[in-house]
Amino acid sequence: MVKNIGIEGLEPPKRKCEDKKCPWHGNIKVRGRIFEGRIVSLRPQKTAVIEREYFHYLPKYERYERRHSRLYAHLPPCIDAKVGDIAVIGETRKLSKTKAFVVLQVKGR
């Protein structure tokens, strides 16, 4: 059974998992900010490294510069993700020292 996480526009995964930290099948609540970014690494176990780009305004030059930040997100086993995919991540409670986000959906390349 897939539970409703309260965010419209997201499809639940087709596979089922037994992960307690999965927002769809476990007991993690998603609250706070929701980001979209590119997966750059799947090296840490059950973790995806998401890089998101944004623009920062420089008042002195009256121009924008491109910046990026990396976020660590928990990757449940029911979500199939590869490096280079665009992922939607949501904020949760702290899951470990560096992880406070969880992957909700993979949108593709």
PDB file of N, CA and C in Angstrom:
ATOM      1  N   MET A   1       0.840  -1.179   0.000  1.00  0.00           N
ATOM      2  CA  MET A   1       0.000   0.000   0.000  1.00  0.00           C
ATOM      3  C   MET A   1       0.888   1.247   0.000  1.00  0.00           C
ATOM      4  N   VAL A   2       0.549   2.184  -0.869  1.00  0.00           N
ATOM      5  CA  VAL A   2       1.276   3.436  -0.974  1.00  0.00           C
ATOM      6  C   VAL A   2       0.485   4.506  -0.247  1.00  0.00           C
ATOM      7  N   LYS A   3       1.161   5.264   0.625  1.00  0.00           N
ATOM      8  CA  LYS A   3       0.446   6.308   1.350  1.00  0.00           C
ATOM      9  C   LYS A   3       0.525   7.628   0.596  1.00  0.00           C
ATOM     10  N   ASN A   4      -0.384   8.522   0.895  1.00  0.00           N
ATOM     11  CA  ASN A   4      -0.419   9.840   0.285  1.00  0.00           C
ATOM     12  C   ASN A   4       0.547  10.739   1.050  1.00  0.00           C
ATOM     13  N   ILE A   5       1.537  11.320   0.343  1.00  0.00           N
ATOM     14  CA  ILE A   5       2.516  12.161   1.028  1.00  0.00           C
ATOM     15  C   ILE A   5       2.102  13.623   1.039  1.00  0.00           C
ATOM     16  N   GLY A   6       0.984  13.961   0.406  1.00  0.00           N
ATOM     17  CA  GLY A   6       0.431  15.302   0.494  1.00  0.00           C
ATOM     18  C   GLY A   6       0.994  16.301  -0.496  1.00  0.00           C
ATOM     19  N   ILE A   7       1.691  15.828  -1.540  1.00  0.00           N
ATOM     20  CA  ILE A   7       2.249  16.721  -2.550  1.00  0.00           C
ATOM     21  C   ILE A   7       1.625  16.355  -3.892  1.00  0.00           C
ATOM     22  N   GLU A   8       0.952  17.324  -4.493  1.00  0.00           N
ATOM     23  CA  GLU A   8       0.279  17.055  -5.761  1.00  0.00           C
ATOM     24  C   GLU A   8       1.271  17.043  -6.906  1.00  0.00           C
ATOM     25  N   GLY A   9       0.953  16.267  -7.936  1.00  0.00           N
ATOM     26  CA  GLY A   9       1.765  16.219  -9.136  1.00  0.00           C
ATOM     27  C   GLY A   9       2.860  15.168  -9.108  1.00  0.00           C
ATOM     28  N   LEU A  10       2.971  14.399  -8.036  1.00  0.00           N
ATOM     29  CA  LEU A  10       3.987  13.353  -7.956  1.00  0.00           C
ATOM     30  C   LEU A  10       3.324  11.988  -8.052  1.00  0.00           C
ATOM     31  N   GLU A  11       3.945  11.102  -8.831  1.00  0.00           N
ATOM     32  CA  GLU A  11       3.429   9.743  -8.966  1.00  0.00           C
ATOM     33  C   GLU A  11       4.172   8.821  -8.008  1.00  0.00           C
ATOM     34  N   PRO A  12       3.457   7.943  -7.315  1.00  0.00           N
ATOM     35  CA  PRO A  12       4.149   6.994  -6.436  1.00  0.00           C
ATOM     36  C   PRO A  12       4.929   5.965  -7.261  1.00  0.00           C
ATOM     37  N   PRO A  13       5.990   5.385  -6.706  1.00  0.00           N
ATOM     38  CA  PRO A  13       6.762   4.385  -7.455  1.00  0.00           C
ATOM     39  C   PRO A  13       5.956   3.113  -7.674  1.00  0.00           C
ATOM     40  N   LYS A  14       6.303   2.388  -8.738  1.00  0.00           N
ATOM     41  CA  LYS A  14       5.583   1.153  -9.069  1.00  0.00           C
ATOM     42  C   LYS A  14       6.022  -0.010  -8.187  1.00  0.00           C
ATOM     43  N   ARG A  15       7.298  -0.013  -7.774  1.00  0.00           N
ATOM     44  CA  ARG A  15       7.790  -1.090  -6.910  1.00  0.00           C
ATOM     45  C   ARG A  15       7.489  -0.781  -5.446  1.00  0.00           C
ATOM     46  N   LYS A  16       7.463  -1.845  -4.635  1.00  0.00           N
ATOM     47  CA  LYS A  16       7.236  -1.699  -3.199  1.00  0.00           C
ATOM     48  C   LYS A  16       8.550  -1.966  -2.479  1.00  0.00           C
ATOM     49  N   CYS A  17       8.752  -1.288  -1.360  1.00  0.00           N
ATOM     50  CA  CYS A  17       9.965  -1.513  -0.579  1.00  0.00           C
ATOM     51  C   CYS A  17       9.617  -1.592   0.905  1.00  0.00           C
ATOM     52  N   GLU A  18      10.566  -2.061   1.678  1.00  0.00           N
ATOM     53  CA  GLU A  18      10.396  -2.201   3.133  1.00  0.00           C
ATOM     54  C   GLU A  18      11.249  -1.192   3.892  1.00  0.00           C
ATOM     55  N   ASP A  19      11.682  -0.126   3.223  1.00  0.00           N
ATOM     56  CA  ASP A  19      12.554   0.870   3.834  1.00  0.00           C
ATOM     57  C   ASP A  19      11.743   1.765   4.775  1.00  0.00           C
ATOM     58  N   LYS A  20      12.206   1.908   6.027  1.00  0.00           N
ATOM     59  CA  LYS A  20      11.500   2.749   6.997  1.00  0.00           C
ATOM     60  C   LYS A  20      11.648   4.233   6.680  1.00  0.00           C
ATOM     61  N   LYS A  21      12.698   4.591   5.925  1.00  0.00           N
ATOM     62  CA  LYS A  21      12.939   5.986   5.584  1.00  0.00           C
ATOM     63  C   LYS A  21      12.369   6.368   4.220  1.00  0.00           C
ATOM     64  N   CYS A  22      11.523   5.531   3.649  1.00  0.00           N
ATOM     65  CA  CYS A  22      10.873   5.823   2.374  1.00  0.00           C
ATOM     66  C   CYS A  22       9.606   6.647   2.640  1.00  0.00           C
ATOM     67  N   PRO A  23       9.413   7.768   1.934  1.00  0.00           N
ATOM     68  CA  PRO A  23       8.213   8.565   2.186  1.00  0.00           C
ATOM     69  C   PRO A  23       6.936   7.888   1.697  1.00  0.00           C
ATOM     70  N   TRP A  24       7.039   6.981   0.735  1.00  0.00           N
ATOM     71  CA  TRP A  24       5.859   6.318   0.167  1.00  0.00           C
ATOM     72  C   TRP A  24       5.462   5.072   0.957  1.00  0.00           C
ATOM     73  N   HIS A  25       6.446   4.309   1.475  1.00  0.00           N
ATOM     74  CA  HIS A  25       6.150   3.039   2.147  1.00  0.00           C
ATOM     75  C   HIS A  25       6.585   3.010   3.606  1.00  0.00           C
ATOM     76  N   GLY A  26       7.311   4.007   4.058  1.00  0.00           N
ATOM     77  CA  GLY A  26       7.815   4.037   5.430  1.00  0.00           C
ATOM     78  C   GLY A  26       7.057   5.032   6.279  1.00  0.00           C
ATOM     79  N   ASN A  27       7.756   5.577   7.271  1.00  0.00           N
ATOM     80  CA  ASN A  27       7.092   6.499   8.189  1.00  0.00           C
ATOM     81  C   ASN A  27       7.806   7.850   8.240  1.00  0.00           C
ATOM     82  N   ILE A  28       8.295   8.329   7.104  1.00  0.00           N
ATOM     83  CA  ILE A  28       8.949   9.641   7.012  1.00  0.00           C
ATOM     84  C   ILE A  28       7.939  10.644   6.455  1.00  0.00           C
ATOM     85  N   LYS A  29       7.851  11.792   7.101  1.00  0.00           N
ATOM     86  CA  LYS A  29       6.969  12.857   6.623  1.00  0.00           C
ATOM     87  C   LYS A  29       7.797  13.865   5.834  1.00  0.00           C
ATOM     88  N   VAL A  30       7.254  14.320   4.709  1.00  0.00           N
ATOM     89  CA  VAL A  30       7.915  15.327   3.882  1.00  0.00           C
ATOM     90  C   VAL A  30       7.295  16.668   4.233  1.00  0.00           C
ATOM     91  N   ARG A  31       8.155  17.609   4.638  1.00  0.00           N
ATOM     92  CA  ARG A  31       7.680  18.948   4.965  1.00  0.00           C
ATOM     93  C   ARG A  31       8.786  19.928   4.617  1.00  0.00           C
ATOM     94  N   GLY A  32       8.440  21.155   4.386  1.00  0.00           N
ATOM     95  CA  GLY A  32       9.451  22.152   4.077  1.00  0.00           C
ATOM     96  C   GLY A  32       9.625  22.342   2.582  1.00  0.00           C
ATOM     97  N   ARG A  33      10.869  22.497   2.153  1.00  0.00           N
ATOM     98  CA  ARG A  33      11.165  22.863   0.771  1.00  0.00           C
ATOM     99  C   ARG A  33      11.227  21.649  -0.142  1.00  0.00           C
ATOM    100  N   ILE A  34      10.915  21.888  -1.414  1.00  0.00           N
ATOM    101  CA  ILE A  34      10.993  20.859  -2.445  1.00  0.00           C
ATOM    102  C   ILE A  34      11.869  21.408  -3.561  1.00  0.00           C
ATOM    103  N   PHE A  35      12.878  20.629  -3.960  1.00  0.00           N
ATOM    104  CA  PHE A  35      13.814  21.051  -4.991  1.00  0.00           C
ATOM    105  C   PHE A  35      13.814  20.066  -6.143  1.00  0.00           C
ATOM    106  N   GLU A  36      14.342  20.538  -7.272  1.00  0.00           N
ATOM    107  CA  GLU A  36      14.544  19.694  -8.433  1.00  0.00           C
ATOM    108  C   GLU A  36      15.989  19.877  -8.853  1.00  0.00           C
ATOM    109  N   GLY A  37      16.683  18.778  -9.120  1.00  0.00           N
ATOM    110  CA  GLY A  37      18.089  18.877  -9.498  1.00  0.00           C
ATOM    111  C   GLY A  37      18.557  17.625 -10.215  1.00  0.00           C
ATOM    112  N   ARG A  38      19.819  17.655 -10.650  1.00  0.00           N
ATOM    113  CA  ARG A  38      20.409  16.562 -11.413  1.00  0.00           C
ATOM    114  C   ARG A  38      21.212  15.675 -10.465  1.00  0.00           C
ATOM    115  N   ILE A  39      21.076  14.364 -10.615  1.00  0.00           N
ATOM    116  CA  ILE A  39      21.830  13.412  -9.800  1.00  0.00           C
ATOM    117  C   ILE A  39      23.248  13.332 -10.360  1.00  0.00           C
ATOM    118  N   VAL A  40      24.235  13.643  -9.531  1.00  0.00           N
ATOM    119  CA  VAL A  40      25.624  13.614  -9.979  1.00  0.00           C
ATOM    120  C   VAL A  40      26.394  12.422  -9.422  1.00  0.00           C
ATOM    121  N   SER A  41      25.883  11.782  -8.372  1.00  0.00           N
ATOM    122  CA  SER A  41      26.580  10.632  -7.806  1.00  0.00           C
ATOM    123  C   SER A  41      25.608   9.764  -7.021  1.00  0.00           C
ATOM    124  N   LEU A  42      25.847   8.455  -7.083  1.00  0.00           N
ATOM    125  CA  LEU A  42      25.092   7.492  -6.278  1.00  0.00           C
ATOM    126  C   LEU A  42      26.051   6.681  -5.407  1.00  0.00           C
ATOM    127  N   ARG A  43      27.246   7.220  -5.174  1.00  0.00           N
ATOM    128  CA  ARG A  43      28.311   6.507  -4.488  1.00  0.00           C
ATOM    129  C   ARG A  43      27.960   6.122  -3.055  1.00  0.00           C
ATOM    130  N   PRO A  44      27.568   7.050  -2.189  1.00  0.00           N
ATOM    131  CA  PRO A  44      27.251   6.614  -0.822  1.00  0.00           C
ATOM    132  C   PRO A  44      26.042   5.671  -0.840  1.00  0.00           C
ATOM    133  N   GLN A  45      26.051   4.719   0.056  1.00  0.00           N
ATOM    134  CA  GLN A  45      24.985   3.713   0.069  1.00  0.00           C
ATOM    135  C   GLN A  45      23.634   4.353   0.383  1.00  0.00           C
ATOM    136  N   LYS A  46      22.616   4.051  -0.420  1.00  0.00           N
ATOM    137  CA  LYS A  46      21.251   4.568  -0.271  1.00  0.00           C
ATOM    138  C   LYS A  46      21.205   6.098  -0.269  1.00  0.00           C
ATOM    139  N   THR A  47      22.130   6.730  -0.981  1.00  0.00           N
ATOM    140  CA  THR A  47      22.206   8.182  -1.005  1.00  0.00           C
ATOM    141  C   THR A  47      22.406   8.664  -2.432  1.00  0.00           C
ATOM    142  N   ALA A  48      21.749   9.757  -2.772  1.00  0.00           N
ATOM    143  CA  ALA A  48      21.937  10.406  -4.064  1.00  0.00           C
ATOM    144  C   ALA A  48      22.469  11.809  -3.804  1.00  0.00           C
ATOM    145  N   VAL A  49      23.476  12.207  -4.566  1.00  0.00           N
ATOM    146  CA  VAL A  49      24.007  13.556  -4.473  1.00  0.00           C
ATOM    147  C   VAL A  49      23.352  14.368  -5.588  1.00  0.00           C
ATOM    148  N   ILE A  50      22.586  15.380  -5.201  1.00  0.00           N
ATOM    149  CA  ILE A  50      21.817  16.188  -6.145  1.00  0.00           C
ATOM    150  C   ILE A  50      22.506  17.544  -6.288  1.00  0.00           C
ATOM    151  N   GLU A  51      22.715  17.965  -7.538  1.00  0.00           N
ATOM    152  CA  GLU A  51      23.288  19.284  -7.785  1.00  0.00           C
ATOM    153  C   GLU A  51      22.222  20.139  -8.447  1.00  0.00           C
ATOM    154  N   ARG A  52      21.971  21.310  -7.867  1.00  0.00           N
ATOM    155  CA  ARG A  52      20.985  22.208  -8.441  1.00  0.00           C
ATOM    156  C   ARG A  52      21.634  23.537  -8.766  1.00  0.00           C
ATOM    157  N   GLU A  53      21.282  24.093  -9.922  1.00  0.00           N
ATOM    158  CA  GLU A  53      21.831  25.369 -10.356  1.00  0.00           C
ATOM    159  C   GLU A  53      20.812  26.467 -10.120  1.00  0.00           C
ATOM    160  N   TYR A  54      21.319  27.659  -9.787  1.00  0.00           N
ATOM    161  CA  TYR A  54      20.451  28.811  -9.590  1.00  0.00           C
ATOM    162  C   TYR A  54      21.238  30.057  -9.963  1.00  0.00           C
ATOM    163  N   PHE A  55      20.538  31.170 -10.102  1.00  0.00           N
ATOM    164  CA  PHE A  55      21.159  32.435 -10.450  1.00  0.00           C
ATOM    165  C   PHE A  55      21.223  33.336  -9.222  1.00  0.00           C
ATOM    166  N   HIS A  56      22.339  34.056  -9.076  1.00  0.00           N
ATOM    167  CA  HIS A  56      22.531  34.983  -7.980  1.00  0.00           C
ATOM    168  C   HIS A  56      22.790  36.369  -8.562  1.00  0.00           C
ATOM    169  N   TYR A  57      22.065  37.352  -8.070  1.00  0.00           N
ATOM    170  CA  TYR A  57      22.173  38.712  -8.595  1.00  0.00           C
ATOM    171  C   TYR A  57      23.334  39.454  -7.947  1.00  0.00           C
ATOM    172  N   LEU A  58      24.147  40.121  -8.769  1.00  0.00           N
ATOM    173  CA  LEU A  58      25.244  40.952  -8.283  1.00  0.00           C
ATOM    174  C   LEU A  58      24.878  42.408  -8.517  1.00  0.00           C
ATOM    175  N   PRO A  59      24.537  43.150  -7.452  1.00  0.00           N
ATOM    176  CA  PRO A  59      24.073  44.526  -7.625  1.00  0.00           C
ATOM    177  C   PRO A  59      25.141  45.459  -8.218  1.00  0.00           C
ATOM    178  N   LYS A  60      26.386  45.222  -7.891  1.00  0.00           N
ATOM    179  CA  LYS A  60      27.450  46.103  -8.387  1.00  0.00           C
ATOM    180  C   LYS A  60      27.515  46.100  -9.909  1.00  0.00           C
ATOM    181  N   TYR A  61      27.390  44.922 -10.512  1.00  0.00           N
ATOM    182  CA  TYR A  61      27.479  44.802 -11.965  1.00  0.00           C
ATOM    183  C   TYR A  61      26.118  44.735 -12.650  1.00  0.00           C
ATOM    184  N   GLU A  62      25.044  44.713 -11.848  1.00  0.00           N
ATOM    185  CA  GLU A  62      23.675  44.621 -12.349  1.00  0.00           C
ATOM    186  C   GLU A  62      23.506  43.431 -13.288  1.00  0.00           C
ATOM    187  N   ARG A  63      24.081  42.321 -12.894  1.00  0.00           N
ATOM    188  CA  ARG A  63      24.007  41.093 -13.691  1.00  0.00           C
ATOM    189  C   ARG A  63      23.794  39.908 -12.756  1.00  0.00           C
ATOM    190  N   TYR A  64      23.510  38.760 -13.379  1.00  0.00           N
ATOM    191  CA  TYR A  64      23.351  37.521 -12.641  1.00  0.00           C
ATOM    192  C   TYR A  64      24.550  36.621 -12.900  1.00  0.00           C
ATOM    193  N   GLU A  65      24.901  35.818 -11.896  1.00  0.00           N
ATOM    194  CA  GLU A  65      25.915  34.794 -12.102  1.00  0.00           C
ATOM    195  C   GLU A  65      25.297  33.440 -11.776  1.00  0.00           C
ATOM    196  N   ARG A  66      25.830  32.425 -12.413  1.00  0.00           N
ATOM    197  CA  ARG A  66      25.317  31.078 -12.212  1.00  0.00           C
ATOM    198  C   ARG A  66      26.057  30.432 -11.039  1.00  0.00           C
ATOM    199  N   ARG A  67      25.311  29.864 -10.109  1.00  0.00           N
ATOM    200  CA  ARG A  67      25.892  29.160  -8.975  1.00  0.00           C
ATOM    201  C   ARG A  67      25.271  27.777  -8.880  1.00  0.00           C
ATOM    202  N   HIS A  68      25.886  26.915  -8.092  1.00  0.00           N
ATOM    203  CA  HIS A  68      25.310  25.590  -7.868  1.00  0.00           C
ATOM    204  C   HIS A  68      25.564  25.151  -6.443  1.00  0.00           C
ATOM    205  N   SER A  69      24.711  24.251  -5.958  1.00  0.00           N
ATOM    206  CA  SER A  69      24.884  23.685  -4.624  1.00  0.00           C
ATOM    207  C   SER A  69      24.582  22.196  -4.699  1.00  0.00           C
ATOM    208  N   ARG A  70      25.187  21.455  -3.806  1.00  0.00           N
ATOM    209  CA  ARG A  70      24.965  20.003  -3.752  1.00  0.00           C
ATOM    210  C   ARG A  70      24.216  19.652  -2.470  1.00  0.00           C
ATOM    211  N   LEU A  71      23.219  18.784  -2.632  1.00  0.00           N
ATOM    212  CA  LEU A  71      22.428  18.314  -1.500  1.00  0.00           C
ATOM    213  C   LEU A  71      22.494  16.796  -1.466  1.00  0.00           C
ATOM    214  N   TYR A  72      22.569  16.234  -0.273  1.00  0.00           N
ATOM    215  CA  TYR A  72      22.543  14.791  -0.108  1.00  0.00           C
ATOM    216  C   TYR A  72      21.119  14.382   0.233  1.00  0.00           C
ATOM    217  N   ALA A  73      20.618  13.364  -0.483  1.00  0.00           N
ATOM    218  CA  ALA A  73      19.240  12.922  -0.279  1.00  0.00           C
ATOM    219  C   ALA A  73      19.200  11.409  -0.141  1.00  0.00           C
ATOM    220  N   HIS A  74      18.319  10.911   0.713  1.00  0.00           N
ATOM    221  CA  HIS A  74      18.122   9.468   0.874  1.00  0.00           C
ATOM    222  C   HIS A  74      17.428   8.928  -0.370  1.00  0.00           C
ATOM    223  N   LEU A  75      17.928   7.811  -0.896  1.00  0.00           N
ATOM    224  CA  LEU A  75      17.361   7.181  -2.094  1.00  0.00           C
ATOM    225  C   LEU A  75      16.740   5.850  -1.701  1.00  0.00           C
ATOM    226  N   PRO A  76      15.395   5.780  -1.621  1.00  0.00           N
ATOM    227  CA  PRO A  76      14.745   4.514  -1.272  1.00  0.00           C
ATOM    228  C   PRO A  76      14.943   3.478  -2.380  1.00  0.00           C
ATOM    229  N   PRO A  77      14.951   2.176  -2.031  1.00  0.00           N
ATOM    230  CA  PRO A  77      15.164   1.140  -3.051  1.00  0.00           C
ATOM    231  C   PRO A  77      14.035   1.032  -4.078  1.00  0.00           C
ATOM    232  N   CYS A  78      12.855   1.573  -3.782  1.00  0.00           N
ATOM    233  CA  CYS A  78      11.738   1.473  -4.731  1.00  0.00           C
ATOM    234  C   CYS A  78      11.855   2.472  -5.881  1.00  0.00           C
ATOM    235  N   ILE A  79      12.763   3.431  -5.787  1.00  0.00           N
ATOM    236  CA  ILE A  79      12.936   4.438  -6.832  1.00  0.00           C
ATOM    237  C   ILE A  79      14.190   4.110  -7.620  1.00  0.00           C
ATOM    238  N   ASP A  80      14.025   3.910  -8.933  1.00  0.00           N
ATOM    239  CA  ASP A  80      15.158   3.611  -9.807  1.00  0.00           C
ATOM    240  C   ASP A  80      15.747   4.914 -10.310  1.00  0.00           C
ATOM    241  N   ALA A  81      16.987   5.179  -9.946  1.00  0.00           N
ATOM    242  CA  ALA A  81      17.641   6.423 -10.351  1.00  0.00           C
ATOM    243  C   ALA A  81      19.022   6.111 -10.903  1.00  0.00           C
ATOM    244  N   LYS A  82      19.426   6.884 -11.901  1.00  0.00           N
ATOM    245  CA  LYS A  82      20.751   6.759 -12.481  1.00  0.00           C
ATOM    246  C   LYS A  82      21.416   8.132 -12.468  1.00  0.00           C
ATOM    247  N   VAL A  83      22.728   8.147 -12.617  1.00  0.00           N
ATOM    248  CA  VAL A  83      23.467   9.409 -12.688  1.00  0.00           C
ATOM    249  C   VAL A  83      23.034  10.159 -13.942  1.00  0.00           C
ATOM    250  N   GLY A  84      22.726  11.433 -13.789  1.00  0.00           N
ATOM    251  CA  GLY A  84      22.272  12.250 -14.908  1.00  0.00           C
ATOM    252  C   GLY A  84      20.774  12.470 -14.936  1.00  0.00           C
ATOM    253  N   ASP A  85      20.023  11.716 -14.136  1.00  0.00           N
ATOM    254  CA  ASP A  85      18.565  11.883 -14.084  1.00  0.00           C
ATOM    255  C   ASP A  85      18.203  13.165 -13.342  1.00  0.00           C
ATOM    256  N   ILE A  86      17.028  13.710 -13.674  1.00  0.00           N
ATOM    257  CA  ILE A  86      16.472  14.846 -12.951  1.00  0.00           C
ATOM    258  C   ILE A  86      15.569  14.280 -11.852  1.00  0.00           C
ATOM    259  N   ALA A  87      15.819  14.680 -10.601  1.00  0.00           N
ATOM    260  CA  ALA A  87      15.086  14.135  -9.465  1.00  0.00           C
ATOM    261  C   ALA A  87      14.392  15.251  -8.698  1.00  0.00           C
ATOM    262  N   VAL A  88      13.259  14.901  -8.094  1.00  0.00           N
ATOM    263  CA  VAL A  88      12.531  15.801  -7.204  1.00  0.00           C
ATOM    264  C   VAL A  88      12.815  15.323  -5.784  1.00  0.00           C
ATOM    265  N   ILE A  89      13.318  16.242  -4.931  1.00  0.00           N
ATOM    266  CA  ILE A  89      13.624  15.880  -3.554  1.00  0.00           C
ATOM    267  C   ILE A  89      12.826  16.765  -2.611  1.00  0.00           C
ATOM    268  N   GLY A  90      12.470  16.210  -1.461  1.00  0.00           N
ATOM    269  CA  GLY A  90      11.707  16.943  -0.462  1.00  0.00           C
ATOM    270  C   GLY A  90      12.419  16.935   0.873  1.00  0.00           C
ATOM    271  N   GLU A  91      12.217  17.983   1.644  1.00  0.00           N
ATOM    272  CA  GLU A  91      12.867  18.118   2.946  1.00  0.00           C
ATOM    273  C   GLU A  91      12.148  17.272   3.985  1.00  0.00           C
ATOM    274  N   THR A  92      12.921  16.630   4.848  1.00  0.00           N
ATOM    275  CA  THR A  92      12.391  15.828   5.950  1.00  0.00           C
ATOM    276  C   THR A  92      13.169  16.187   7.206  1.00  0.00           C
ATOM    277  N   ARG A  93      12.961  15.407   8.247  1.00  0.00           N
ATOM    278  CA  ARG A  93      13.795  15.561   9.431  1.00  0.00           C
ATOM    279  C   ARG A  93      15.202  15.085   9.083  1.00  0.00           C
ATOM    280  N   LYS A  94      16.162  15.334   9.960  1.00  0.00           N
ATOM    281  CA  LYS A  94      17.525  14.862   9.721  1.00  0.00           C
ATOM    282  C   LYS A  94      17.543  13.334   9.722  1.00  0.00           C
ATOM    283  N   LEU A  95      18.073  12.743   8.641  1.00  0.00           N
ATOM    284  CA  LEU A  95      18.156  11.289   8.540  1.00  0.00           C
ATOM    285  C   LEU A  95      19.541  10.780   8.929  1.00  0.00           C
ATOM    286  N   SER A  96      20.548  11.615   8.757  1.00  0.00           N
ATOM    287  CA  SER A  96      21.908  11.312   9.190  1.00  0.00           C
ATOM    288  C   SER A  96      22.632  12.638   9.370  1.00  0.00           C
ATOM    289  N   LYS A  97      23.950  12.591   9.474  1.00  0.00           N
ATOM    290  CA  LYS A  97      24.705  13.821   9.699  1.00  0.00           C
ATOM    291  C   LYS A  97      24.541  14.805   8.542  1.00  0.00           C
ATOM    292  N   THR A  98      24.517  14.313   7.307  1.00  0.00           N
ATOM    293  CA  THR A  98      24.465  15.205   6.138  1.00  0.00           C
ATOM    294  C   THR A  98      23.152  15.144   5.376  1.00  0.00           C
ATOM    295  N   LYS A  99      22.283  14.181   5.661  1.00  0.00           N
ATOM    296  CA  LYS A  99      21.052  14.008   4.884  1.00  0.00           C
ATOM    297  C   LYS A  99      19.833  14.567   5.605  1.00  0.00           C
ATOM    298  N   ALA A 100      19.134  15.494   4.942  1.00  0.00           N
ATOM    299  CA  ALA A 100      17.873  16.014   5.459  1.00  0.00           C
ATOM    300  C   ALA A 100      16.837  16.061   4.345  1.00  0.00           C
ATOM    301  N   PHE A 101      17.107  15.375   3.215  1.00  0.00           N
ATOM    302  CA  PHE A 101      16.195  15.319   2.081  1.00  0.00           C
ATOM    303  C   PHE A 101      15.986  13.877   1.673  1.00  0.00           C
ATOM    304  N   VAL A 102      14.909  13.635   0.934  1.00  0.00           N
ATOM    305  CA  VAL A 102      14.617  12.295   0.419  1.00  0.00           C
ATOM    306  C   VAL A 102      14.154  12.435  -1.029  1.00  0.00           C
ATOM    307  N   VAL A 103      14.559  11.485  -1.886  1.00  0.00           N
ATOM    308  CA  VAL A 103      14.159  11.514  -3.289  1.00  0.00           C
ATOM    309  C   VAL A 103      12.698  11.068  -3.373  1.00  0.00           C
ATOM    310  N   LEU A 104      11.864  11.886  -4.009  1.00  0.00           N
ATOM    311  CA  LEU A 104      10.439  11.601  -4.126  1.00  0.00           C
ATOM    312  C   LEU A 104      10.087  10.990  -5.481  1.00  0.00           C
ATOM    313  N   GLN A 105      10.760  11.464  -6.543  1.00  0.00           N
ATOM    314  CA  GLN A 105      10.422  10.999  -7.887  1.00  0.00           C
ATOM    315  C   GLN A 105      11.586  11.293  -8.811  1.00  0.00           C
ATOM    316  N   VAL A 106      11.760  10.448  -9.823  1.00  0.00           N
ATOM    317  CA  VAL A 106      12.753  10.688 -10.865  1.00  0.00           C
ATOM    318  C   VAL A 106      11.987  11.035 -12.128  1.00  0.00           C
ATOM    319  N   LYS A 107      12.304  12.196 -12.703  1.00  0.00           N
ATOM    320  CA  LYS A 107      11.586  12.681 -13.891  1.00  0.00           C
ATOM    321  C   LYS A 107      12.202  12.211 -15.191  1.00  0.00           C
ATOM    322  N   GLY A 108      13.396  11.665 -15.148  1.00  0.00           N
ATOM    323  CA  GLY A 108      14.064  11.203 -16.370  1.00  0.00           C
ATOM    324  C   GLY A 108      15.309  12.011 -16.641  1.00  0.00           C
ATOM    325  N   ARG A 109      15.794  11.948 -17.862  1.00  0.00           N
ATOM    326  CA  ARG A 109      17.060  12.619 -18.213  1.00  0.00           C
ATOM    327  C   ARG A 109      16.853  14.086 -18.453  1.00  0.00           C
TER     328      ARG A 109
END
